[in-house]
Amino acid sequence: MPPIEEKYSSAGPAHRTNQDGIITTMSFLVDGNKYVLDCLTSVQALVPIAAEWKHLEQNCGEPYIFFQSYDWCRQWCNTFAQTGEKVLRPRIKIYTLHRNGELVMVWPLMVVRICLGLNNLTFLTEPLGQYGNIICNRQLLPIKVGNSVWNYIRKNAATDTITLDQYPRSSFLKKIIDGNGMVEKSNKHTSFLDLTAFEAWEDYRASLSRKMRKIRNQRRKKLAKQGDLNYEIYYGGSKRYRELVSLALQWKTVWLQNTGRREMVLSQDNTRKFLSLLVGTEGKADTSPNGVVLGALTLNDEPISIEIGLCLDGHYYSYLGAFEWEHRNFSPGKVQIEAAQTWAKEVGLQKFDFLGDPAEYKTAWSNSKDALESRSVPLTMRGFFYCVFWKVYLKPTLRLIFNKMNAKYRAIFLGLFRIRKTGMKDSHYSTL
């Protein structure tokens, strides 16, 4: 990256583009510190800052940032942003902020085409990413600087809307965007098991009610009577991991179809490819696992339940669970959850996160929760109607009604209204 042209003011933009897909959008001075905001618009532009990005994500202290981590974003861009019809591809817009030459913020965004041809600026990697956030060093990033970054992005988005879904209410991101747009009218939250509350796994089991312990023991013993029951761990990058990812997606698609839920995204070959190419590493003596890990519950050496998990800075994200449909009456998924949480405690993970989608079973396996929020910011008249009538009010209401429907009627409903789509057009239209 060539030297940046030095133009500074309190908010003075200094636009510059080079061949590597890096745009310097503005540079400015605040309290004697020099800030430079860049926008990365290509996969190649991510490579030069890989070390800085990874260092920031490992040391910033912000929770819920795995879906903004370098390895996740880089692999997603390699898989989705360079394939399919060009006009329908997501346009990468990853904003980075340096303070006196040090990276203090990464905000991965993208522009996608949604319904009625509207252009929308949203978090990079949706719908596969589950939390929206920014990676930042709060100590080196005053709120007024964050406000300046947000104001620039909002005023120069050149889209119809900005939608920011499922970001933590405790995040620095919320602090800098408050007051703009409309917040979705729902009480979203993420459920998680705080593993630091217990010295050992047996202490957690002892904290459960006698009835709950009995139910879990009976469930596990019932399945164990069918044969030799084991739990195996594989890290991203291994051959067995890739094989089991494909199997998990097959099982998940069957479950979604049988329970009347949408399966458009997970059934795509690009989704399988993306998840298969992610990597993970086993924890050392003083560190917990990092990256992608897969747990498999096996019966007589054959997998019957699989969970793909994501690890970063002691935080475990229970990303995708699936089980063999023929064993559903033995509750293999719930037996697998208990095995996964036991493993997480043993290897030093601190938080076992079930992600933000509401589900009754998550309450039984959690002891804490954090509030989430979704915000829509209209930038054009068409975007205003989309945000007000669809994103903020109508879509959450329809989702609530749909989730309360009987599985049989959900399947009929989806059969009537399913639209045949392909590639990334399918992924983003189906979720937005």
Protein backbone atom coordinates (compact mmCIF):
# COMPACT_ATOMS: atom_id res chain seq x y z
CA MET A 1 0.00 0.00 0.00
CA PRO A 2 1.59 3.34 -1.06
CA PRO A 3 1.96 6.20 1.45
CA ILE A 4 -1.27 8.00 2.31
CA GLU A 5 -1.61 11.55 1.15
CA GLU A 6 -1.56 13.72 4.24
CA LYS A 7 -4.73 15.81 4.39
CA TYR A 8 -6.16 16.39 7.82
CA SER A 9 -9.03 18.28 9.38
CA SER A 10 -11.68 17.58 11.97
CA ALA A 11 -13.77 15.79 9.37
CA GLY A 12 -12.09 16.49 6.07
CA PRO A 13 -12.27 13.56 3.61
CA ALA A 14 -9.20 12.71 1.59
CA HIS A 15 -10.30 10.16 -1.03
CA ARG A 16 -7.70 7.95 -2.70
CA THR A 17 -7.97 4.64 -4.52
CA ASN A 18 -5.23 2.27 -5.59
CA GLN A 19 -5.17 -0.94 -7.60
CA ASP A 20 -5.26 -3.16 -4.52
CA GLY A 21 -8.88 -2.36 -3.69
CA ILE A 22 -8.07 0.04 -0.85
CA ILE A 23 -9.83 3.41 -0.64
CA THR A 24 -8.69 5.99 1.89
CA THR A 25 -12.00 7.66 2.68
CA MET A 26 -10.87 10.24 5.19
CA SER A 27 -8.05 11.17 7.53
CA PHE A 28 -8.34 13.52 10.50
CA LEU A 29 -6.84 14.67 13.79
CA VAL A 30 -8.57 14.22 17.16
CA ASP A 31 -6.83 15.30 20.39
CA GLY A 32 -3.50 15.26 18.59
CA ASN A 33 -3.93 11.71 17.27
CA LYS A 34 -3.95 10.93 13.56
CA TYR A 35 -6.81 8.70 12.36
CA VAL A 36 -7.03 7.21 8.87
CA LEU A 37 -10.19 5.43 7.67
CA ASP A 38 -9.76 2.97 4.78
CA CYS A 39 -12.35 0.94 2.92
CA LEU A 40 -11.20 -2.45 1.60
CA THR A 41 -13.16 -3.50 -1.49
CA SER A 42 -11.43 -6.69 -2.65
CA VAL A 43 -10.29 -10.02 -1.24
CA GLN A 44 -6.69 -9.13 -2.11
CA ALA A 45 -6.88 -6.02 0.08
CA LEU A 46 -7.41 -8.15 3.19
CA VAL A 47 -4.05 -9.92 3.00
CA PRO A 48 -1.70 -7.02 3.93
CA ILE A 49 -3.53 -6.37 7.21
CA ALA A 50 -4.06 -10.02 8.20
CA ALA A 51 -1.57 -9.93 11.09
CA GLU A 52 -2.92 -6.62 12.42
CA TRP A 53 -6.53 -7.82 12.15
CA LYS A 54 -5.81 -11.08 13.98
CA HIS A 55 -3.86 -9.28 16.70
CA LEU A 56 -6.76 -6.88 17.26
CA GLU A 57 -9.40 -9.63 17.46
CA GLN A 58 -7.31 -11.56 20.00
CA ASN A 59 -6.69 -8.54 22.23
CA CYS A 60 -9.59 -6.12 21.91
CA GLY A 61 -11.77 -7.69 24.62
CA GLU A 62 -15.03 -7.17 22.68
CA PRO A 63 -17.38 -10.18 22.92
CA TYR A 64 -19.41 -11.68 20.06
CA ILE A 65 -16.90 -10.89 17.30
CA PHE A 66 -16.16 -14.28 15.71
CA PHE A 67 -18.18 -13.40 12.60
CA GLN A 68 -15.95 -10.37 12.12
CA SER A 69 -12.70 -12.33 12.60
CA TYR A 70 -10.13 -12.41 9.81
CA ASP A 71 -10.22 -16.14 9.00
CA TRP A 72 -14.02 -16.24 8.87
CA CYS A 73 -14.31 -13.11 6.69
CA ARG A 74 -11.42 -14.02 4.39
CA GLN A 75 -12.75 -17.51 3.67
CA TRP A 76 -16.27 -16.18 3.16
CA CYS A 77 -15.01 -13.60 0.64
CA ASN A 78 -13.01 -16.28 -1.18
CA THR A 79 -16.10 -18.48 -1.45
CA PHE A 80 -18.97 -16.09 -2.07
CA ALA A 81 -17.68 -12.72 -3.27
CA GLN A 82 -15.92 -14.06 -6.37
CA THR A 83 -18.48 -16.54 -7.73
CA GLY A 84 -21.82 -16.32 -9.47
CA GLU A 85 -23.25 -13.61 -11.68
CA LYS A 86 -21.23 -10.44 -11.12
CA VAL A 87 -24.20 -8.08 -10.76
CA LEU A 88 -25.58 -10.26 -7.93
CA ARG A 89 -22.35 -10.73 -6.00
CA PRO A 90 -22.01 -8.94 -2.66
CA ARG A 91 -19.73 -5.90 -2.86
CA ILE A 92 -17.15 -5.97 -0.07
CA LYS A 93 -16.82 -2.84 2.08
CA ILE A 94 -14.56 -3.55 5.04
CA TYR A 95 -13.76 -0.36 6.94
CA THR A 96 -10.51 -0.18 8.90
CA LEU A 97 -9.35 2.64 11.16
CA HIS A 98 -5.73 3.27 12.10
CA ARG A 99 -4.66 5.55 14.97
CA ASN A 100 -1.12 6.83 14.61
CA GLY A 101 -0.45 3.84 12.36
CA GLU A 102 -1.98 1.23 14.71
CA LEU A 103 -5.14 -0.67 13.70
CA VAL A 104 -7.87 0.15 16.23
CA MET A 105 -11.07 -0.85 14.38
CA VAL A 106 -12.29 -3.32 11.74
CA TRP A 107 -15.90 -3.09 10.57
CA PRO A 108 -16.70 -5.72 7.89
CA LEU A 109 -19.68 -4.68 5.74
CA MET A 110 -21.00 -5.44 2.25
CA VAL A 111 -23.57 -4.17 -0.23
CA VAL A 112 -26.15 -6.72 -1.43
CA ARG A 113 -29.18 -6.57 -3.72
CA ILE A 114 -32.39 -7.34 -1.86
CA CYS A 115 -36.12 -7.34 -2.74
CA LEU A 116 -37.40 -5.03 -5.49
CA GLY A 117 -33.82 -4.33 -6.54
CA LEU A 118 -32.96 -2.31 -3.44
CA ASN A 119 -29.30 -2.04 -2.47
CA ASN A 120 -28.57 -2.69 1.18
CA LEU A 121 -25.41 -2.12 3.26
CA THR A 122 -25.20 -4.82 5.91
CA PHE A 123 -22.77 -6.91 7.93
CA LEU A 124 -20.35 -8.98 5.86
CA THR A 125 -21.04 -12.76 5.73
CA GLU A 126 -24.80 -12.59 6.34
CA PRO A 127 -26.81 -14.80 6.43
CA LEU A 128 -24.10 -17.25 7.59
CA GLY A 129 -22.80 -14.79 10.17
CA GLN A 130 -24.99 -14.74 13.28
CA TYR A 131 -23.84 -11.66 15.21
CA GLY A 132 -23.16 -8.21 13.83
CA ASN A 133 -20.39 -6.24 15.48
CA ILE A 134 -17.13 -4.36 15.03
CA ILE A 135 -13.70 -5.35 16.28
CA CYS A 136 -12.15 -2.42 18.11
CA ASN A 137 -9.83 -1.26 20.86
CA ARG A 138 -12.11 0.87 23.05
CA GLN A 139 -9.16 2.42 24.92
CA LEU A 140 -7.77 3.89 21.71
CA LEU A 141 -11.11 4.68 20.05
CA PRO A 142 -13.09 7.53 21.63
CA ILE A 143 -16.83 7.51 21.02
CA LYS A 144 -16.61 10.80 19.13
CA VAL A 145 -14.19 9.16 16.68
CA GLY A 146 -16.56 6.21 16.30
CA ASN A 147 -19.38 8.69 15.66
CA SER A 148 -17.33 10.30 12.87
CA VAL A 149 -16.71 6.90 11.25
CA TRP A 150 -20.40 5.98 11.41
CA ASN A 151 -21.50 9.35 10.06
CA TYR A 152 -19.14 8.99 7.12
CA ILE A 153 -20.33 5.47 6.31
CA ARG A 154 -24.00 6.45 6.62
CA LYS A 155 -23.69 9.57 4.46
CA ASN A 156 -21.57 7.88 1.77
CA ALA A 157 -23.19 4.45 1.61
CA ALA A 158 -24.87 5.17 -1.77
CA THR A 159 -27.49 2.49 -1.01
CA ASP A 160 -31.22 2.47 -0.25
CA THR A 161 -30.84 1.08 3.25
CA ILE A 162 -28.44 0.09 5.99
CA THR A 163 -29.54 -2.90 8.08
CA LEU A 164 -27.53 -3.92 11.13
CA ASP A 165 -28.93 -7.14 12.61
CA GLN A 166 -28.26 -8.84 15.94
CA TYR A 167 -25.51 -6.74 17.48
CA PRO A 168 -25.02 -6.78 21.29
CA ARG A 169 -26.61 -3.90 23.16
CA SER A 170 -23.47 -3.77 25.27
CA SER A 171 -21.23 -3.23 22.23
CA PHE A 172 -19.25 -0.17 21.22
CA LEU A 173 -21.16 -0.36 17.95
CA LYS A 174 -24.47 0.46 19.65
CA LYS A 175 -22.91 3.48 21.33
CA ILE A 176 -21.87 5.04 18.03
CA ILE A 177 -25.03 4.36 15.98
CA ASP A 178 -27.70 5.22 18.57
CA GLY A 179 -30.13 7.86 17.38
CA ASN A 180 -30.16 6.84 13.71
CA GLY A 181 -32.78 4.74 11.97
CA MET A 182 -35.34 2.42 13.56
CA VAL A 183 -34.87 -0.42 16.02
CA GLU A 184 -36.75 -3.67 15.44
CA LYS A 185 -39.57 -4.10 17.95
CA SER A 186 -38.53 -7.40 19.56
CA ASN A 187 -36.75 -8.57 22.68
CA LYS A 188 -33.85 -10.46 21.15
CA HIS A 189 -31.16 -12.06 23.26
CA THR A 190 -28.49 -14.71 23.16
CA SER A 191 -28.49 -17.56 25.70
CA PHE A 192 -25.21 -18.95 27.03
CA LEU A 193 -23.72 -21.10 29.75
CA ASP A 194 -21.17 -19.15 31.79
CA LEU A 195 -18.58 -21.86 32.45
CA THR A 196 -16.50 -19.61 34.71
CA ALA A 197 -19.22 -19.83 37.38
CA PHE A 198 -18.12 -23.40 38.21
CA GLU A 199 -14.78 -24.76 39.34
CA ALA A 200 -15.39 -28.10 37.59
CA TRP A 201 -18.06 -29.68 35.41
CA GLU A 202 -19.39 -31.71 38.31
CA ASP A 203 -20.06 -28.46 40.17
CA TYR A 204 -22.33 -27.40 37.33
CA ARG A 205 -24.17 -30.73 37.37
CA ALA A 206 -24.62 -30.40 41.12
CA SER A 207 -26.24 -26.99 40.60
CA LEU A 208 -29.03 -28.53 38.51
CA SER A 209 -32.28 -29.65 40.06
CA ARG A 210 -32.59 -33.32 41.00
CA LYS A 211 -35.29 -33.72 38.34
CA MET A 212 -33.07 -32.22 35.61
CA ARG A 213 -30.11 -34.44 36.50
CA LYS A 214 -32.38 -37.48 36.40
CA ILE A 215 -33.76 -36.56 32.97
CA ARG A 216 -30.29 -36.09 31.51
CA ASN A 217 -28.99 -39.33 33.01
CA GLN A 218 -31.96 -41.31 31.69
CA ARG A 219 -31.61 -39.79 28.25
CA ARG A 220 -27.91 -40.66 28.05
CA LYS A 221 -28.40 -44.20 29.39
CA LYS A 222 -31.28 -44.87 26.97
CA LEU A 223 -29.05 -44.01 24.01
CA ALA A 224 -26.07 -45.92 25.45
CA LYS A 225 -28.16 -49.09 25.55
CA GLN A 226 -28.17 -49.04 21.74
CA GLY A 227 -24.42 -49.60 21.58
CA ASP A 228 -20.99 -48.11 22.31
CA LEU A 229 -21.49 -44.34 22.82
CA ASN A 230 -18.53 -41.94 22.40
CA TYR A 231 -17.78 -38.26 21.76
CA GLU A 232 -15.04 -37.28 19.30
CA ILE A 233 -13.46 -33.90 18.48
CA TYR A 234 -12.06 -32.82 15.09
CA TYR A 235 -10.53 -29.45 14.21
CA GLY A 236 -11.10 -27.54 10.99
CA GLY A 237 -8.56 -28.47 8.35
CA SER A 238 -8.60 -32.23 8.90
CA LYS A 239 -10.02 -34.70 6.39
CA ARG A 240 -12.49 -36.13 8.90
CA TYR A 241 -13.72 -32.62 9.74
CA ARG A 242 -14.53 -31.96 6.09
CA GLU A 243 -16.36 -35.27 5.75
CA LEU A 244 -18.50 -34.64 8.81
CA VAL A 245 -19.36 -31.07 7.76
CA SER A 246 -20.97 -32.46 4.60
CA LEU A 247 -22.86 -35.04 6.65
CA ALA A 248 -24.05 -32.43 9.16
CA LEU A 249 -25.43 -30.21 6.38
CA GLN A 250 -27.27 -33.17 4.87
CA TRP A 251 -28.82 -34.03 8.23
CA LYS A 252 -29.69 -30.39 8.93
CA THR A 253 -31.45 -30.04 5.59
CA VAL A 254 -33.53 -33.16 6.33
CA TRP A 255 -34.47 -31.78 9.75
CA LEU A 256 -35.43 -28.39 8.30
CA GLN A 257 -37.63 -30.00 5.67
CA ASN A 258 -39.31 -32.39 8.13
CA THR A 259 -40.06 -29.60 10.62
CA GLY A 260 -41.31 -27.10 8.04
CA ARG A 261 -38.40 -24.65 8.05
CA ARG A 262 -36.49 -22.95 5.25
CA GLU A 263 -33.42 -24.76 3.99
CA MET A 264 -32.33 -22.56 1.05
CA VAL A 265 -28.98 -21.37 2.44
CA LEU A 266 -27.67 -24.53 4.09
CA SER A 267 -28.45 -26.69 1.07
CA GLN A 268 -26.17 -24.67 -1.23
CA ASP A 269 -22.88 -26.22 -2.32
CA ASN A 270 -21.06 -22.93 -1.60
CA THR A 271 -22.13 -23.18 2.05
CA ARG A 272 -20.63 -26.67 2.30
CA LYS A 273 -17.45 -25.49 0.61
CA PHE A 274 -17.14 -22.46 2.89
CA LEU A 275 -17.58 -24.38 6.14
CA SER A 276 -15.34 -27.23 4.94
CA LEU A 277 -12.40 -24.89 4.30
CA LEU A 278 -12.42 -23.22 7.72
CA VAL A 279 -9.59 -24.17 10.07
CA GLY A 280 -9.11 -24.57 13.80
CA THR A 281 -6.37 -25.31 16.30
CA GLU A 282 -6.28 -27.25 19.55
CA GLY A 283 -5.58 -25.28 22.71
CA LYS A 284 -2.17 -25.39 24.38
CA ALA A 285 -1.46 -25.72 28.09
CA ASP A 286 -2.38 -22.09 28.80
CA THR A 287 -4.77 -21.38 25.91
CA SER A 288 -8.16 -22.60 24.79
CA PRO A 289 -8.99 -23.86 21.25
CA ASN A 290 -9.20 -21.33 18.43
CA GLY A 291 -11.10 -21.39 15.14
CA VAL A 292 -13.48 -24.12 14.04
CA VAL A 293 -14.05 -27.39 15.88
CA LEU A 294 -16.48 -30.23 15.23
CA GLY A 295 -17.87 -32.55 17.88
CA ALA A 296 -19.39 -35.90 16.85
CA LEU A 297 -21.47 -38.16 19.05
CA THR A 298 -20.91 -41.69 17.78
CA LEU A 299 -22.81 -44.94 18.31
CA ASN A 300 -20.82 -48.07 17.49
CA ASP A 301 -18.25 -45.80 15.77
CA GLU A 302 -20.89 -44.22 13.51
CA PRO A 303 -21.83 -40.53 13.99
CA ILE A 304 -25.43 -39.87 15.00
CA SER A 305 -25.15 -36.22 16.10
CA ILE A 306 -22.75 -33.48 15.00
CA GLU A 307 -22.07 -29.93 16.12
CA ILE A 308 -19.92 -27.36 14.34
CA GLY A 309 -18.52 -24.93 16.90
CA LEU A 310 -16.49 -21.73 16.64
CA CYS A 311 -13.89 -20.64 19.21
CA LEU A 312 -12.29 -17.27 19.83
CA ASP A 313 -10.75 -15.87 23.01
CA GLY A 314 -12.44 -18.43 25.29
CA HIS A 315 -15.86 -17.93 23.69
CA TYR A 316 -17.48 -21.01 22.13
CA TYR A 317 -20.26 -20.45 19.58
CA SER A 318 -22.60 -23.42 19.10
CA TYR A 319 -22.95 -22.71 15.39
CA LEU A 320 -24.69 -25.66 13.75
CA GLY A 321 -26.07 -28.83 15.28
CA ALA A 322 -27.55 -31.76 13.36
CA PHE A 323 -28.51 -35.37 14.06
CA GLU A 324 -29.50 -38.43 12.10
CA TRP A 325 -33.27 -38.26 11.71
CA GLU A 326 -33.76 -42.01 12.31
CA HIS A 327 -32.41 -41.62 15.88
CA ARG A 328 -34.62 -38.63 16.78
CA ASN A 329 -36.59 -40.56 19.44
CA PHE A 330 -33.36 -41.05 21.43
CA SER A 331 -32.65 -37.27 21.64
CA PRO A 332 -29.07 -37.54 20.29
CA GLY A 333 -28.83 -33.77 19.88
CA LYS A 334 -29.40 -33.15 23.60
CA VAL A 335 -26.93 -35.88 24.60
CA GLN A 336 -24.44 -34.26 22.26
CA ILE A 337 -24.95 -30.81 23.85
CA GLU A 338 -24.08 -32.20 27.28
CA ALA A 339 -20.95 -33.85 25.86
CA ALA A 340 -19.95 -30.61 24.11
CA GLN A 341 -20.38 -28.51 27.25
CA THR A 342 -18.37 -31.03 29.28
CA TRP A 343 -15.57 -30.85 26.70
CA ALA A 344 -15.72 -27.04 26.63
CA LYS A 345 -15.19 -26.84 30.38
CA GLU A 346 -12.34 -29.37 30.28
CA VAL A 347 -10.38 -27.44 27.61
CA GLY A 348 -10.71 -24.08 29.35
CA LEU A 349 -13.45 -22.35 27.35
CA GLN A 350 -15.35 -19.75 29.35
CA LYS A 351 -18.64 -19.20 27.55
CA PHE A 352 -20.83 -21.72 25.70
CA ASP A 353 -23.00 -19.58 23.43
CA PHE A 354 -26.20 -20.84 21.75
CA LEU A 355 -26.47 -17.79 19.42
CA GLY A 356 -29.43 -15.48 19.09
CA ASP A 357 -32.23 -17.50 17.49
CA PRO A 358 -34.88 -18.14 20.17
CA ALA A 359 -35.53 -21.75 21.13
CA GLU A 360 -37.03 -23.22 24.27
CA TYR A 361 -34.35 -25.87 24.74
CA LYS A 362 -31.61 -23.25 25.07
CA THR A 363 -32.96 -22.05 28.41
CA ALA A 364 -32.41 -25.49 29.97
CA TRP A 365 -28.74 -25.50 28.90
CA SER A 366 -27.94 -21.87 29.82
CA ASN A 367 -27.53 -19.76 32.94
CA SER A 368 -27.10 -16.30 31.40
CA LYS A 369 -28.18 -14.14 28.47
CA ASP A 370 -27.18 -10.92 26.70
CA ALA A 371 -29.53 -8.54 24.91
CA LEU A 372 -29.30 -8.10 21.13
CA GLU A 373 -30.66 -5.37 18.87
CA SER A 374 -31.40 -4.91 15.17
CA ARG A 375 -31.50 -1.50 13.47
CA SER A 376 -32.57 -0.33 10.02
CA VAL A 377 -31.51 3.00 8.54
CA PRO A 378 -33.38 4.15 5.38
CA LEU A 379 -31.37 6.30 2.97
CA THR A 380 -33.90 6.70 0.13
CA MET A 381 -37.69 6.86 -0.07
CA ARG A 382 -37.85 3.25 -1.28
CA GLY A 383 -35.56 2.28 1.55
CA PHE A 384 -37.84 4.06 4.02
CA PHE A 385 -40.85 1.97 3.06
CA TYR A 386 -38.76 -1.22 3.17
CA CYS A 387 -37.41 -0.43 6.64
CA VAL A 388 -40.68 0.78 8.18
CA PHE A 389 -43.20 -1.64 6.74
CA TRP A 390 -41.10 -4.77 6.24
CA LYS A 391 -37.92 -4.85 8.29
CA VAL A 392 -39.07 -3.24 11.53
CA TYR A 393 -42.70 -4.32 11.82
CA LEU A 394 -44.07 -6.79 9.26
CA LYS A 395 -41.18 -9.27 9.04
CA PRO A 396 -40.77 -9.77 12.84
CA THR A 397 -44.54 -10.25 13.18
CA LEU A 398 -44.70 -12.80 10.38
CA ARG A 399 -41.68 -14.63 11.78
CA LEU A 400 -43.36 -14.88 15.17
CA ILE A 401 -46.57 -16.23 13.64
CA PHE A 402 -44.66 -18.67 11.45
CA ASN A 403 -42.60 -20.05 14.34
CA LYS A 404 -45.77 -20.73 16.35
CA MET A 405 -47.38 -22.69 13.52
CA ASN A 406 -47.57 -26.49 13.58
CA ALA A 407 -44.69 -28.08 11.62
CA LYS A 408 -47.16 -29.63 9.15
CA TYR A 409 -48.69 -26.27 8.29
CA ARG A 410 -45.28 -24.59 8.09
CA ALA A 411 -44.25 -27.13 5.45
CA ILE A 412 -47.44 -26.49 3.47
CA PHE A 413 -46.90 -22.73 3.71
CA LEU A 414 -43.32 -22.97 2.46
CA GLY A 415 -44.42 -25.26 -0.37
CA LEU A 416 -46.90 -22.64 -1.57
CA PHE A 417 -44.54 -19.68 -1.40
CA ARG A 418 -41.12 -21.18 -2.06
CA ILE A 419 -39.29 -19.34 -4.86
CA ARG A 420 -36.72 -21.16 -6.94
CA LYS A 421 -33.41 -19.33 -6.66
CA THR A 422 -29.74 -20.16 -7.12
CA GLY A 423 -26.32 -19.01 -5.89
CA MET A 424 -25.83 -15.90 -3.77
CA LYS A 425 -29.04 -14.43 -5.13
CA ASP A 426 -30.82 -17.19 -3.26
CA SER A 427 -28.89 -16.67 -0.04
CA HIS A 428 -29.44 -12.97 0.37
CA TYR A 429 -32.91 -12.67 -1.09
CA SER A 430 -34.06 -15.52 1.12
CA THR A 431 -32.87 -13.85 4.30
CA LEU A 432 -33.56 -10.17 3.67
